[in-house]
């Protein structure tokens, strides 16, 4: 069983502030001192996305993000040095079909009915109590040279979350999935192992 508190303490939500309030973009996780990994929806932006902030899941504190580095849907950013990080699977490690995997992320709760009922200008302080870590537990069912597909559904906002092996090391980054009423849900992730 994975230690959700350990993972949450190394994670947060990437957001921007707009005139309408907060916009929840993705989940991010710490890979080293001041180094954060996430993913970005859609195609690569023409220029680095500015004005990004990170709300830490462990205490709700808000920190600016900088240093946008985009590579095939995965984004590296500079942020707070929180003193802990998630370990990445050793280089050269191999994933096999049916390997048990576990994915962790924070769904976008901004438009959820529980928040909408008490809607006023949504600040980080008002949003933090609604952070709900969501997990996918399944197995690797398909893979290509760069991506894998995990059984289960990835909800908006979980994009960028860590995909972990049974030993707790990160093997990938959630890239999302397409919901279909006619097919079992699959979640795509960029393989790091």
N, C-alpha and C. Protein backbone atom coordinates (compact mmCIF):
# COMPACT_ATOMS: atom_id res chain seq x y z
N UNK A 1 0.84 -1.19 0.00
CA UNK A 1 0.00 0.00 0.00
C UNK A 1 0.88 1.24 0.00
N UNK A 2 0.54 2.21 -0.81
CA UNK A 2 1.32 3.44 -0.90
C UNK A 2 0.95 4.41 0.21
N UNK A 3 1.94 5.19 0.64
CA UNK A 3 1.73 6.20 1.68
C UNK A 3 1.22 7.47 1.01
N UNK A 4 -0.10 7.68 1.04
CA UNK A 4 -0.70 8.84 0.37
C UNK A 4 -0.21 10.15 0.97
N UNK A 5 0.05 10.18 2.27
CA UNK A 5 0.55 11.40 2.89
C UNK A 5 1.93 11.77 2.35
N UNK A 6 2.79 10.79 2.17
CA UNK A 6 4.13 11.06 1.62
C UNK A 6 4.02 11.63 0.21
N UNK A 7 3.15 11.05 -0.60
CA UNK A 7 2.98 11.52 -1.97
C UNK A 7 2.36 12.92 -1.98
N UNK A 8 1.32 13.12 -1.16
CA UNK A 8 0.66 14.43 -1.09
C UNK A 8 1.63 15.51 -0.64
N UNK A 9 2.51 15.19 0.30
CA UNK A 9 3.47 16.17 0.80
C UNK A 9 4.49 16.59 -0.25
N UNK A 10 4.57 15.85 -1.35
CA UNK A 10 5.48 16.19 -2.44
C UNK A 10 4.71 16.71 -3.66
N UNK A 11 3.43 17.04 -3.49
CA UNK A 11 2.57 17.39 -4.62
C UNK A 11 1.86 18.73 -4.40
N UNK A 12 1.26 19.20 -5.48
CA UNK A 12 0.48 20.43 -5.41
C UNK A 12 -0.32 20.61 -6.68
N UNK A 13 -1.00 21.75 -6.76
CA UNK A 13 -1.83 22.07 -7.92
C UNK A 13 -1.28 23.31 -8.60
N UNK A 14 -1.13 23.23 -9.93
CA UNK A 14 -0.70 24.36 -10.74
C UNK A 14 -1.95 25.14 -11.15
N UNK A 15 -1.94 26.45 -10.90
CA UNK A 15 -3.10 27.26 -11.23
C UNK A 15 -2.67 28.66 -11.67
N UNK A 16 -3.61 29.37 -12.26
CA UNK A 16 -3.44 30.79 -12.55
C UNK A 16 -4.63 31.52 -11.96
N UNK A 17 -4.44 32.81 -11.73
CA UNK A 17 -5.53 33.66 -11.27
C UNK A 17 -6.02 34.44 -12.47
N UNK A 18 -7.32 34.47 -12.64
CA UNK A 18 -7.93 35.23 -13.73
C UNK A 18 -8.95 36.18 -13.11
N UNK A 19 -9.55 37.01 -13.94
CA UNK A 19 -10.59 37.91 -13.43
C UNK A 19 -11.78 37.13 -12.89
N UNK A 20 -11.97 35.89 -13.38
CA UNK A 20 -13.07 35.06 -12.90
C UNK A 20 -12.70 34.27 -11.65
N UNK A 21 -11.45 34.33 -11.22
CA UNK A 21 -11.01 33.58 -10.05
C UNK A 21 -9.86 32.65 -10.40
N UNK A 22 -9.82 31.50 -9.76
CA UNK A 22 -8.75 30.53 -10.00
C UNK A 22 -9.04 29.67 -11.21
N UNK A 23 -7.99 29.28 -11.91
CA UNK A 23 -8.10 28.28 -12.96
C UNK A 23 -7.12 27.16 -12.63
N UNK A 24 -7.67 26.00 -12.30
CA UNK A 24 -6.90 24.81 -11.94
C UNK A 24 -6.43 24.16 -13.24
N UNK A 25 -5.10 24.05 -13.42
CA UNK A 25 -4.57 23.48 -14.66
C UNK A 25 -4.18 22.01 -14.52
N UNK A 26 -3.38 21.70 -13.50
CA UNK A 26 -2.79 20.36 -13.43
C UNK A 26 -2.27 20.06 -12.04
N UNK A 27 -1.90 18.82 -11.85
CA UNK A 27 -1.20 18.38 -10.64
C UNK A 27 0.30 18.43 -10.93
N UNK A 28 1.10 18.79 -9.94
CA UNK A 28 2.56 18.79 -10.08
C UNK A 28 3.16 18.04 -8.90
N UNK A 29 4.37 17.54 -9.08
CA UNK A 29 5.07 16.84 -8.01
C UNK A 29 6.54 17.20 -8.04
N UNK A 30 7.15 17.15 -6.87
CA UNK A 30 8.54 17.56 -6.71
C UNK A 30 9.47 16.40 -7.05
N UNK A 31 10.44 16.67 -7.90
CA UNK A 31 11.40 15.66 -8.31
C UNK A 31 12.78 15.93 -7.72
N UNK A 32 13.01 17.11 -7.15
CA UNK A 32 14.29 17.46 -6.55
C UNK A 32 14.21 18.85 -5.95
N UNK A 33 15.29 19.34 -5.37
CA UNK A 33 15.26 20.66 -4.74
C UNK A 33 14.81 21.77 -5.69
N UNK A 34 13.61 22.29 -5.47
CA UNK A 34 13.07 23.36 -6.30
C UNK A 34 12.67 22.95 -7.70
N UNK A 35 12.62 21.66 -8.00
CA UNK A 35 12.28 21.16 -9.34
C UNK A 35 10.94 20.45 -9.29
N UNK A 36 10.03 20.90 -10.17
CA UNK A 36 8.67 20.37 -10.21
C UNK A 36 8.33 19.88 -11.60
N UNK A 37 7.56 18.80 -11.66
CA UNK A 37 7.14 18.19 -12.92
C UNK A 37 5.62 18.23 -12.99
N UNK A 38 5.10 18.54 -14.18
CA UNK A 38 3.67 18.46 -14.44
C UNK A 38 3.48 18.14 -15.92
N UNK A 39 2.29 18.26 -16.42
CA UNK A 39 1.99 18.10 -17.84
C UNK A 39 1.10 19.27 -18.24
N UNK A 40 1.02 19.51 -19.55
CA UNK A 40 0.20 20.60 -20.04
C UNK A 40 -0.78 20.07 -21.07
N UNK A 41 -2.06 20.44 -20.95
CA UNK A 41 -3.06 19.92 -21.89
C UNK A 41 -2.88 20.49 -23.29
N UNK A 42 -3.19 19.67 -24.26
CA UNK A 42 -3.16 20.14 -25.66
C UNK A 42 -1.76 20.23 -26.23
N UNK A 43 -1.65 21.00 -27.30
CA UNK A 43 -0.37 21.16 -27.99
C UNK A 43 0.55 22.10 -27.22
N UNK A 44 1.83 22.05 -27.58
CA UNK A 44 2.81 22.93 -26.95
C UNK A 44 2.45 24.38 -27.23
N UNK A 45 2.38 25.20 -26.19
CA UNK A 45 2.09 26.62 -26.40
C UNK A 45 3.20 27.28 -27.23
N UNK A 46 2.85 28.34 -27.97
CA UNK A 46 3.83 29.05 -28.79
C UNK A 46 4.94 29.69 -27.96
N UNK A 47 4.61 30.05 -26.73
CA UNK A 47 5.61 30.62 -25.83
C UNK A 47 5.35 30.08 -24.43
N UNK A 48 6.36 30.14 -23.55
CA UNK A 48 6.16 29.64 -22.19
C UNK A 48 4.96 30.30 -21.51
N UNK A 49 4.23 29.49 -20.76
CA UNK A 49 3.06 30.00 -20.04
C UNK A 49 3.55 30.72 -18.79
N UNK A 50 3.13 31.97 -18.62
CA UNK A 50 3.53 32.75 -17.46
C UNK A 50 2.41 32.86 -16.44
N UNK A 51 2.73 33.42 -15.30
CA UNK A 51 1.73 33.65 -14.27
C UNK A 51 1.26 32.41 -13.55
N UNK A 52 2.05 31.31 -13.64
CA UNK A 52 1.66 30.08 -12.98
C UNK A 52 2.03 30.11 -11.50
N UNK A 53 1.17 29.54 -10.69
CA UNK A 53 1.43 29.40 -9.26
C UNK A 53 1.23 27.95 -8.86
N UNK A 54 1.83 27.59 -7.75
CA UNK A 54 1.69 26.24 -7.20
C UNK A 54 1.12 26.35 -5.80
N UNK A 55 0.03 25.64 -5.54
CA UNK A 55 -0.51 25.54 -4.19
C UNK A 55 -0.10 24.17 -3.66
N UNK A 56 0.67 24.18 -2.58
CA UNK A 56 1.13 22.92 -2.00
C UNK A 56 -0.01 22.20 -1.32
N UNK A 57 -0.09 20.90 -1.56
CA UNK A 57 -1.16 20.10 -0.98
C UNK A 57 -0.96 19.91 0.52
N UNK A 58 0.26 20.04 1.00
CA UNK A 58 0.49 19.77 2.43
C UNK A 58 0.03 20.88 3.34
N UNK A 59 0.02 22.14 2.85
CA UNK A 59 -0.37 23.23 3.74
C UNK A 59 -1.14 24.36 3.06
N UNK A 60 -1.38 24.26 1.76
CA UNK A 60 -2.13 25.28 1.04
C UNK A 60 -1.35 26.53 0.72
N UNK A 61 -0.06 26.56 1.04
CA UNK A 61 0.74 27.75 0.72
C UNK A 61 0.90 27.89 -0.79
N UNK A 62 1.00 29.13 -1.26
CA UNK A 62 1.06 29.43 -2.69
C UNK A 62 2.44 29.97 -3.03
N UNK A 63 3.01 29.45 -4.14
CA UNK A 63 4.36 29.80 -4.56
C UNK A 63 4.38 30.05 -6.07
N UNK A 64 5.16 31.05 -6.52
CA UNK A 64 5.27 31.27 -7.97
C UNK A 64 6.09 30.17 -8.62
N UNK A 65 5.76 29.89 -9.88
CA UNK A 65 6.51 28.92 -10.68
C UNK A 65 7.18 29.66 -11.82
N UNK A 66 8.36 29.19 -12.20
CA UNK A 66 9.10 29.82 -13.30
C UNK A 66 9.88 28.74 -14.05
N UNK A 67 10.64 29.17 -15.07
CA UNK A 67 11.55 28.27 -15.77
C UNK A 67 10.89 27.21 -16.61
N UNK A 68 9.85 27.54 -17.34
CA UNK A 68 9.09 26.61 -18.18
C UNK A 68 10.00 25.84 -19.13
N UNK A 69 9.99 24.49 -19.05
CA UNK A 69 10.70 23.61 -19.98
C UNK A 69 9.72 22.54 -20.44
N UNK A 70 9.34 22.60 -21.71
CA UNK A 70 8.31 21.71 -22.26
C UNK A 70 8.98 20.63 -23.11
N UNK A 71 8.59 19.36 -22.90
CA UNK A 71 9.12 18.27 -23.70
C UNK A 71 8.03 17.20 -23.87
N UNK A 72 7.38 17.22 -25.01
CA UNK A 72 6.39 16.19 -25.33
C UNK A 72 5.23 16.09 -24.36
N UNK A 73 4.72 17.22 -23.92
CA UNK A 73 3.58 17.22 -23.01
C UNK A 73 3.97 17.33 -21.55
N UNK A 74 5.21 17.01 -21.20
CA UNK A 74 5.68 17.10 -19.82
C UNK A 74 6.39 18.43 -19.65
N UNK A 75 6.14 19.08 -18.50
CA UNK A 75 6.70 20.41 -18.24
C UNK A 75 7.52 20.37 -16.95
N UNK A 76 8.74 20.92 -17.05
CA UNK A 76 9.58 21.11 -15.87
C UNK A 76 9.52 22.57 -15.44
N UNK A 77 9.39 22.80 -14.15
CA UNK A 77 9.26 24.16 -13.61
C UNK A 77 10.14 24.31 -12.38
N UNK A 78 10.51 25.57 -12.09
CA UNK A 78 11.21 25.89 -10.84
C UNK A 78 10.17 26.41 -9.85
N UNK A 79 10.27 25.91 -8.62
CA UNK A 79 9.33 26.32 -7.59
C UNK A 79 9.97 26.20 -6.22
N UNK A 80 9.16 26.04 -5.19
CA UNK A 80 9.71 26.00 -3.84
C UNK A 80 10.53 24.74 -3.59
N UNK A 81 11.58 24.89 -2.79
CA UNK A 81 12.35 23.75 -2.31
C UNK A 81 11.69 23.30 -1.02
N UNK A 82 10.99 22.18 -1.07
CA UNK A 82 10.21 21.73 0.09
C UNK A 82 10.95 20.69 0.94
N UNK A 83 12.16 20.33 0.54
CA UNK A 83 12.95 19.41 1.34
C UNK A 83 12.66 17.94 1.16
N UNK A 84 11.66 17.59 0.36
CA UNK A 84 11.33 16.20 0.05
C UNK A 84 11.01 16.10 -1.43
N UNK A 85 11.12 14.91 -1.98
CA UNK A 85 10.81 14.70 -3.39
C UNK A 85 10.38 13.25 -3.59
N UNK A 86 9.70 12.99 -4.70
CA UNK A 86 9.36 11.63 -5.07
C UNK A 86 10.51 11.04 -5.88
N UNK A 87 10.89 9.82 -5.55
CA UNK A 87 12.00 9.15 -6.25
C UNK A 87 11.52 8.65 -7.61
N UNK A 88 12.35 8.85 -8.62
CA UNK A 88 12.05 8.37 -9.98
C UNK A 88 12.68 7.00 -10.15
N UNK A 89 11.97 6.11 -10.83
CA UNK A 89 12.43 4.76 -11.13
C UNK A 89 13.82 4.83 -11.76
N UNK A 90 14.73 3.92 -11.43
CA UNK A 90 16.09 3.98 -11.98
C UNK A 90 16.11 3.96 -13.51
N UNK A 91 17.06 4.68 -14.07
CA UNK A 91 17.19 4.72 -15.52
C UNK A 91 17.44 3.32 -16.06
N UNK A 92 16.78 2.99 -17.15
CA UNK A 92 16.93 1.67 -17.74
C UNK A 92 15.95 0.65 -17.19
N UNK A 93 15.18 1.01 -16.15
CA UNK A 93 14.19 0.08 -15.62
C UNK A 93 13.13 -0.17 -16.69
N UNK A 94 12.58 -1.35 -16.70
CA UNK A 94 11.64 -1.76 -17.73
C UNK A 94 10.25 -1.95 -17.14
N UNK A 95 9.25 -1.50 -17.89
CA UNK A 95 7.86 -1.76 -17.52
C UNK A 95 7.32 -2.87 -18.40
N UNK A 96 6.48 -3.71 -17.82
CA UNK A 96 5.87 -4.81 -18.57
C UNK A 96 4.36 -4.70 -18.52
N UNK A 97 3.72 -5.23 -19.55
CA UNK A 97 2.27 -5.29 -19.56
C UNK A 97 1.80 -6.05 -18.32
N UNK A 98 0.76 -5.54 -17.71
CA UNK A 98 0.15 -6.08 -16.50
C UNK A 98 0.91 -5.72 -15.22
N UNK A 99 1.99 -4.92 -15.30
CA UNK A 99 2.63 -4.43 -14.07
C UNK A 99 1.61 -3.60 -13.31
N UNK A 100 1.51 -3.82 -12.00
CA UNK A 100 0.59 -3.05 -11.17
C UNK A 100 1.14 -1.64 -11.01
N UNK A 101 0.28 -0.65 -11.28
CA UNK A 101 0.66 0.75 -11.17
C UNK A 101 -0.38 1.50 -10.35
N UNK A 102 0.04 2.68 -9.93
CA UNK A 102 -0.78 3.50 -9.06
C UNK A 102 -0.56 4.95 -9.50
N UNK A 103 -1.62 5.70 -9.76
CA UNK A 103 -1.49 7.09 -10.18
C UNK A 103 -2.16 8.00 -9.17
N UNK A 104 -1.59 9.19 -8.99
CA UNK A 104 -2.02 10.12 -7.96
C UNK A 104 -2.19 11.50 -8.57
N UNK A 105 -3.30 12.16 -8.30
CA UNK A 105 -3.49 13.52 -8.80
C UNK A 105 -4.62 14.23 -8.08
N UNK A 106 -4.76 15.51 -8.36
CA UNK A 106 -5.80 16.34 -7.76
C UNK A 106 -6.79 16.77 -8.83
N UNK A 107 -8.01 16.20 -8.83
CA UNK A 107 -9.01 16.63 -9.81
C UNK A 107 -9.38 18.10 -9.60
N UNK A 108 -9.78 18.75 -10.68
CA UNK A 108 -10.25 20.13 -10.64
C UNK A 108 -11.62 20.13 -9.97
N UNK A 109 -11.70 20.74 -8.79
CA UNK A 109 -12.94 20.76 -8.03
C UNK A 109 -13.70 22.09 -8.17
N UNK A 110 -13.16 23.03 -8.94
CA UNK A 110 -13.71 24.38 -8.97
C UNK A 110 -15.17 24.39 -9.41
N UNK A 111 -15.53 23.58 -10.39
CA UNK A 111 -16.92 23.57 -10.86
C UNK A 111 -17.75 22.45 -10.25
N UNK A 112 -17.21 21.78 -9.26
CA UNK A 112 -17.96 20.72 -8.59
C UNK A 112 -19.13 21.36 -7.83
N UNK A 113 -20.28 20.71 -7.79
CA UNK A 113 -21.45 21.30 -7.10
C UNK A 113 -21.19 21.70 -5.65
N UNK A 114 -20.33 20.99 -4.94
CA UNK A 114 -20.08 21.34 -3.54
C UNK A 114 -19.44 22.71 -3.40
N UNK A 115 -18.67 23.13 -4.39
CA UNK A 115 -18.06 24.46 -4.36
C UNK A 115 -19.01 25.48 -4.97
N UNK A 116 -19.68 25.13 -6.05
CA UNK A 116 -20.54 26.05 -6.77
C UNK A 116 -21.67 26.59 -5.88
N UNK A 117 -22.13 25.79 -4.92
CA UNK A 117 -23.23 26.22 -4.06
C UNK A 117 -22.87 27.44 -3.24
N UNK A 118 -21.63 27.52 -2.80
CA UNK A 118 -21.20 28.64 -1.95
C UNK A 118 -20.28 29.56 -2.75
N UNK A 119 -20.57 29.74 -4.03
CA UNK A 119 -19.66 30.44 -4.93
C UNK A 119 -19.57 31.92 -4.61
N UNK A 120 -18.39 32.36 -4.42
CA UNK A 120 -18.02 33.77 -4.38
C UNK A 120 -16.65 33.81 -5.02
N UNK A 121 -15.95 34.90 -4.97
CA UNK A 121 -14.63 34.91 -5.59
C UNK A 121 -13.77 33.83 -4.95
N UNK A 122 -13.33 32.89 -5.76
CA UNK A 122 -12.59 31.75 -5.23
C UNK A 122 -11.11 32.11 -5.07
N UNK A 123 -10.64 32.10 -3.86
CA UNK A 123 -9.24 32.38 -3.53
C UNK A 123 -8.55 31.05 -3.21
N UNK A 124 -7.22 31.03 -3.20
CA UNK A 124 -6.53 29.80 -2.80
C UNK A 124 -6.96 29.32 -1.41
N UNK A 125 -7.19 30.23 -0.49
CA UNK A 125 -7.59 29.85 0.87
C UNK A 125 -8.96 29.16 0.88
N UNK A 126 -9.87 29.62 0.02
CA UNK A 126 -11.19 28.99 -0.06
C UNK A 126 -11.15 27.67 -0.83
N UNK A 127 -10.22 27.56 -1.77
CA UNK A 127 -10.14 26.35 -2.60
C UNK A 127 -9.43 25.20 -1.87
N UNK A 128 -8.44 25.52 -1.06
CA UNK A 128 -7.61 24.49 -0.43
C UNK A 128 -8.42 23.42 0.31
N UNK A 129 -9.45 23.75 1.08
CA UNK A 129 -10.20 22.69 1.78
C UNK A 129 -10.86 21.67 0.85
N UNK A 130 -11.02 22.02 -0.43
CA UNK A 130 -11.67 21.11 -1.38
C UNK A 130 -10.67 20.23 -2.12
N UNK A 131 -9.36 20.42 -1.87
CA UNK A 131 -8.37 19.54 -2.49
C UNK A 131 -8.67 18.11 -2.08
N UNK A 132 -8.78 17.25 -3.05
CA UNK A 132 -9.07 15.85 -2.77
C UNK A 132 -8.14 14.98 -3.61
N UNK A 133 -7.15 14.34 -2.99
CA UNK A 133 -6.30 13.47 -3.81
C UNK A 133 -7.11 12.31 -4.35
N UNK A 134 -6.91 12.04 -5.62
CA UNK A 134 -7.62 10.96 -6.27
C UNK A 134 -6.59 9.96 -6.75
N UNK A 135 -6.89 8.69 -6.63
CA UNK A 135 -5.93 7.66 -7.04
C UNK A 135 -6.55 6.73 -8.07
N UNK A 136 -5.70 6.25 -8.94
CA UNK A 136 -6.06 5.20 -9.89
C UNK A 136 -5.19 4.01 -9.55
N UNK A 137 -5.79 2.88 -9.32
CA UNK A 137 -5.03 1.67 -9.08
C UNK A 137 -5.39 0.70 -10.17
N UNK A 138 -4.41 0.23 -10.87
CA UNK A 138 -4.67 -0.67 -11.98
C UNK A 138 -3.38 -1.32 -12.44
N UNK A 139 -3.30 -1.50 -13.74
CA UNK A 139 -2.11 -2.12 -14.30
C UNK A 139 -1.82 -1.52 -15.68
N UNK A 140 -0.60 -1.70 -16.12
CA UNK A 140 -0.21 -1.25 -17.46
C UNK A 140 -0.86 -2.20 -18.45
N UNK A 141 -1.72 -1.65 -19.32
CA UNK A 141 -2.42 -2.53 -20.25
C UNK A 141 -1.91 -2.41 -21.68
N UNK A 142 -1.40 -1.24 -22.04
CA UNK A 142 -0.84 -1.00 -23.37
C UNK A 142 0.34 -0.07 -23.22
N UNK A 143 1.28 -0.13 -24.15
CA UNK A 143 2.36 0.85 -24.12
C UNK A 143 2.98 1.00 -25.49
N UNK A 144 3.59 2.16 -25.70
CA UNK A 144 4.37 2.44 -26.89
C UNK A 144 5.80 2.73 -26.43
N UNK A 145 6.65 3.20 -27.33
CA UNK A 145 8.03 3.49 -26.93
C UNK A 145 8.11 4.66 -25.96
N UNK A 146 7.10 5.55 -25.96
CA UNK A 146 7.15 6.72 -25.07
C UNK A 146 6.02 6.76 -24.05
N UNK A 147 4.88 6.16 -24.34
CA UNK A 147 3.71 6.28 -23.48
C UNK A 147 3.25 4.92 -22.98
N UNK A 148 2.51 4.96 -21.89
CA UNK A 148 1.84 3.79 -21.37
C UNK A 148 0.38 4.12 -21.15
N UNK A 149 -0.43 3.10 -20.98
CA UNK A 149 -1.85 3.27 -20.71
C UNK A 149 -2.22 2.45 -19.49
N UNK A 150 -2.77 3.14 -18.50
CA UNK A 150 -3.14 2.57 -17.23
C UNK A 150 -4.65 2.38 -17.21
N UNK A 151 -5.11 1.27 -16.66
CA UNK A 151 -6.55 1.07 -16.53
C UNK A 151 -7.10 2.07 -15.53
N UNK A 152 -8.21 2.69 -15.85
CA UNK A 152 -8.84 3.67 -14.97
C UNK A 152 -9.01 5.01 -15.65
N UNK A 153 -9.81 5.86 -15.03
CA UNK A 153 -10.14 7.16 -15.61
C UNK A 153 -9.40 8.30 -14.92
N UNK A 154 -8.77 9.15 -15.71
CA UNK A 154 -8.09 10.35 -15.24
C UNK A 154 -9.05 11.52 -15.38
N UNK A 155 -9.30 12.23 -14.29
CA UNK A 155 -10.22 13.37 -14.31
C UNK A 155 -9.46 14.67 -14.59
N UNK A 156 -10.12 15.68 -15.15
CA UNK A 156 -9.47 16.97 -15.38
C UNK A 156 -8.82 17.48 -14.10
N UNK A 157 -7.61 18.01 -14.24
CA UNK A 157 -6.86 18.51 -13.10
C UNK A 157 -5.83 17.51 -12.59
N UNK A 158 -6.05 16.21 -12.86
CA UNK A 158 -5.08 15.19 -12.45
C UNK A 158 -3.90 15.14 -13.40
N UNK A 159 -4.06 15.70 -14.57
CA UNK A 159 -2.99 15.76 -15.57
C UNK A 159 -1.70 16.21 -14.89
N UNK A 160 -0.60 15.54 -15.18
CA UNK A 160 0.69 15.89 -14.57
C UNK A 160 1.01 15.12 -13.32
N UNK A 161 0.03 14.39 -12.79
CA UNK A 161 0.27 13.62 -11.57
C UNK A 161 1.25 12.49 -11.79
N UNK A 162 1.79 11.98 -10.70
CA UNK A 162 2.79 10.90 -10.75
C UNK A 162 2.12 9.55 -10.94
N UNK A 163 2.75 8.70 -11.75
CA UNK A 163 2.37 7.30 -11.89
C UNK A 163 3.49 6.51 -11.21
N UNK A 164 3.13 5.68 -10.24
CA UNK A 164 4.11 4.99 -9.42
C UNK A 164 4.04 3.48 -9.58
N UNK A 165 5.21 2.86 -9.45
CA UNK A 165 5.29 1.39 -9.44
C UNK A 165 4.97 0.89 -8.04
N UNK A 166 4.90 -0.41 -7.88
CA UNK A 166 4.58 -0.99 -6.58
C UNK A 166 5.59 -0.61 -5.51
N UNK A 167 6.85 -0.35 -5.91
CA UNK A 167 7.87 0.00 -4.92
C UNK A 167 7.83 1.49 -4.53
N UNK A 168 6.87 2.25 -5.11
CA UNK A 168 6.71 3.65 -4.75
C UNK A 168 7.53 4.62 -5.56
N UNK A 169 8.30 4.13 -6.54
CA UNK A 169 9.06 5.04 -7.39
C UNK A 169 8.20 5.49 -8.57
N UNK A 170 8.45 6.70 -9.05
CA UNK A 170 7.67 7.27 -10.16
C UNK A 170 8.15 6.68 -11.48
N UNK A 171 7.20 6.16 -12.26
CA UNK A 171 7.53 5.59 -13.57
C UNK A 171 6.95 6.39 -14.72
N UNK A 172 6.10 7.41 -14.40
CA UNK A 172 5.50 8.18 -15.47
C UNK A 172 4.76 9.40 -14.97
N UNK A 173 4.28 10.19 -15.95
CA UNK A 173 3.54 11.42 -15.69
C UNK A 173 2.20 11.33 -16.42
N UNK A 174 1.09 11.52 -15.70
CA UNK A 174 -0.24 11.43 -16.31
C UNK A 174 -0.41 12.47 -17.42
N UNK A 175 -0.88 12.02 -18.57
CA UNK A 175 -1.16 12.92 -19.69
C UNK A 175 -2.65 13.04 -19.96
N UNK A 176 -3.48 12.21 -19.32
CA UNK A 176 -4.92 12.32 -19.48
C UNK A 176 -5.51 11.11 -20.16
N UNK A 177 -6.78 11.21 -20.46
CA UNK A 177 -7.48 10.12 -21.11
C UNK A 177 -8.79 10.62 -21.67
N UNK A 178 -9.29 9.93 -22.63
CA UNK A 178 -10.56 10.28 -23.25
C UNK A 178 -11.67 9.41 -22.67
N UNK A 179 -12.69 10.06 -22.13
CA UNK A 179 -13.84 9.31 -21.61
C UNK A 179 -14.69 8.83 -22.79
N UNK A 180 -15.11 7.59 -22.74
CA UNK A 180 -15.95 7.03 -23.79
C UNK A 180 -16.99 6.11 -23.16
N UNK A 181 -18.26 6.29 -23.52
CA UNK A 181 -19.28 5.40 -22.95
C UNK A 181 -19.20 3.99 -23.54
N UNK A 182 -18.46 3.83 -24.64
CA UNK A 182 -18.41 2.54 -25.34
C UNK A 182 -17.17 1.72 -25.05
N UNK A 183 -16.19 2.30 -24.33
CA UNK A 183 -14.94 1.60 -24.09
C UNK A 183 -14.52 1.73 -22.63
N UNK A 184 -13.78 0.75 -22.13
CA UNK A 184 -13.27 0.89 -20.75
C UNK A 184 -12.34 2.10 -20.66
N UNK A 185 -12.34 2.80 -19.54
CA UNK A 185 -11.47 3.98 -19.42
C UNK A 185 -10.00 3.61 -19.35
N UNK A 186 -9.19 4.34 -20.09
CA UNK A 186 -7.73 4.20 -20.07
C UNK A 186 -7.13 5.57 -19.85
N UNK A 187 -6.05 5.62 -19.09
CA UNK A 187 -5.34 6.86 -18.83
C UNK A 187 -3.96 6.77 -19.42
N UNK A 188 -3.62 7.76 -20.27
CA UNK A 188 -2.29 7.78 -20.91
C UNK A 188 -1.30 8.46 -20.00
N UNK A 189 -0.08 7.95 -19.98
CA UNK A 189 0.99 8.61 -19.24
C UNK A 189 2.29 8.54 -20.03
N UNK A 190 3.14 9.54 -19.84
CA UNK A 190 4.47 9.56 -20.46
C UNK A 190 5.38 8.70 -19.60
N UNK A 191 5.99 7.71 -20.20
CA UNK A 191 6.85 6.80 -19.46
C UNK A 191 8.17 7.47 -19.10
N UNK A 192 8.59 7.34 -17.86
CA UNK A 192 9.89 7.80 -17.42
C UNK A 192 10.82 6.60 -17.23
N UNK A 193 10.29 5.40 -17.33
CA UNK A 193 11.07 4.19 -17.18
C UNK A 193 10.79 3.28 -18.37
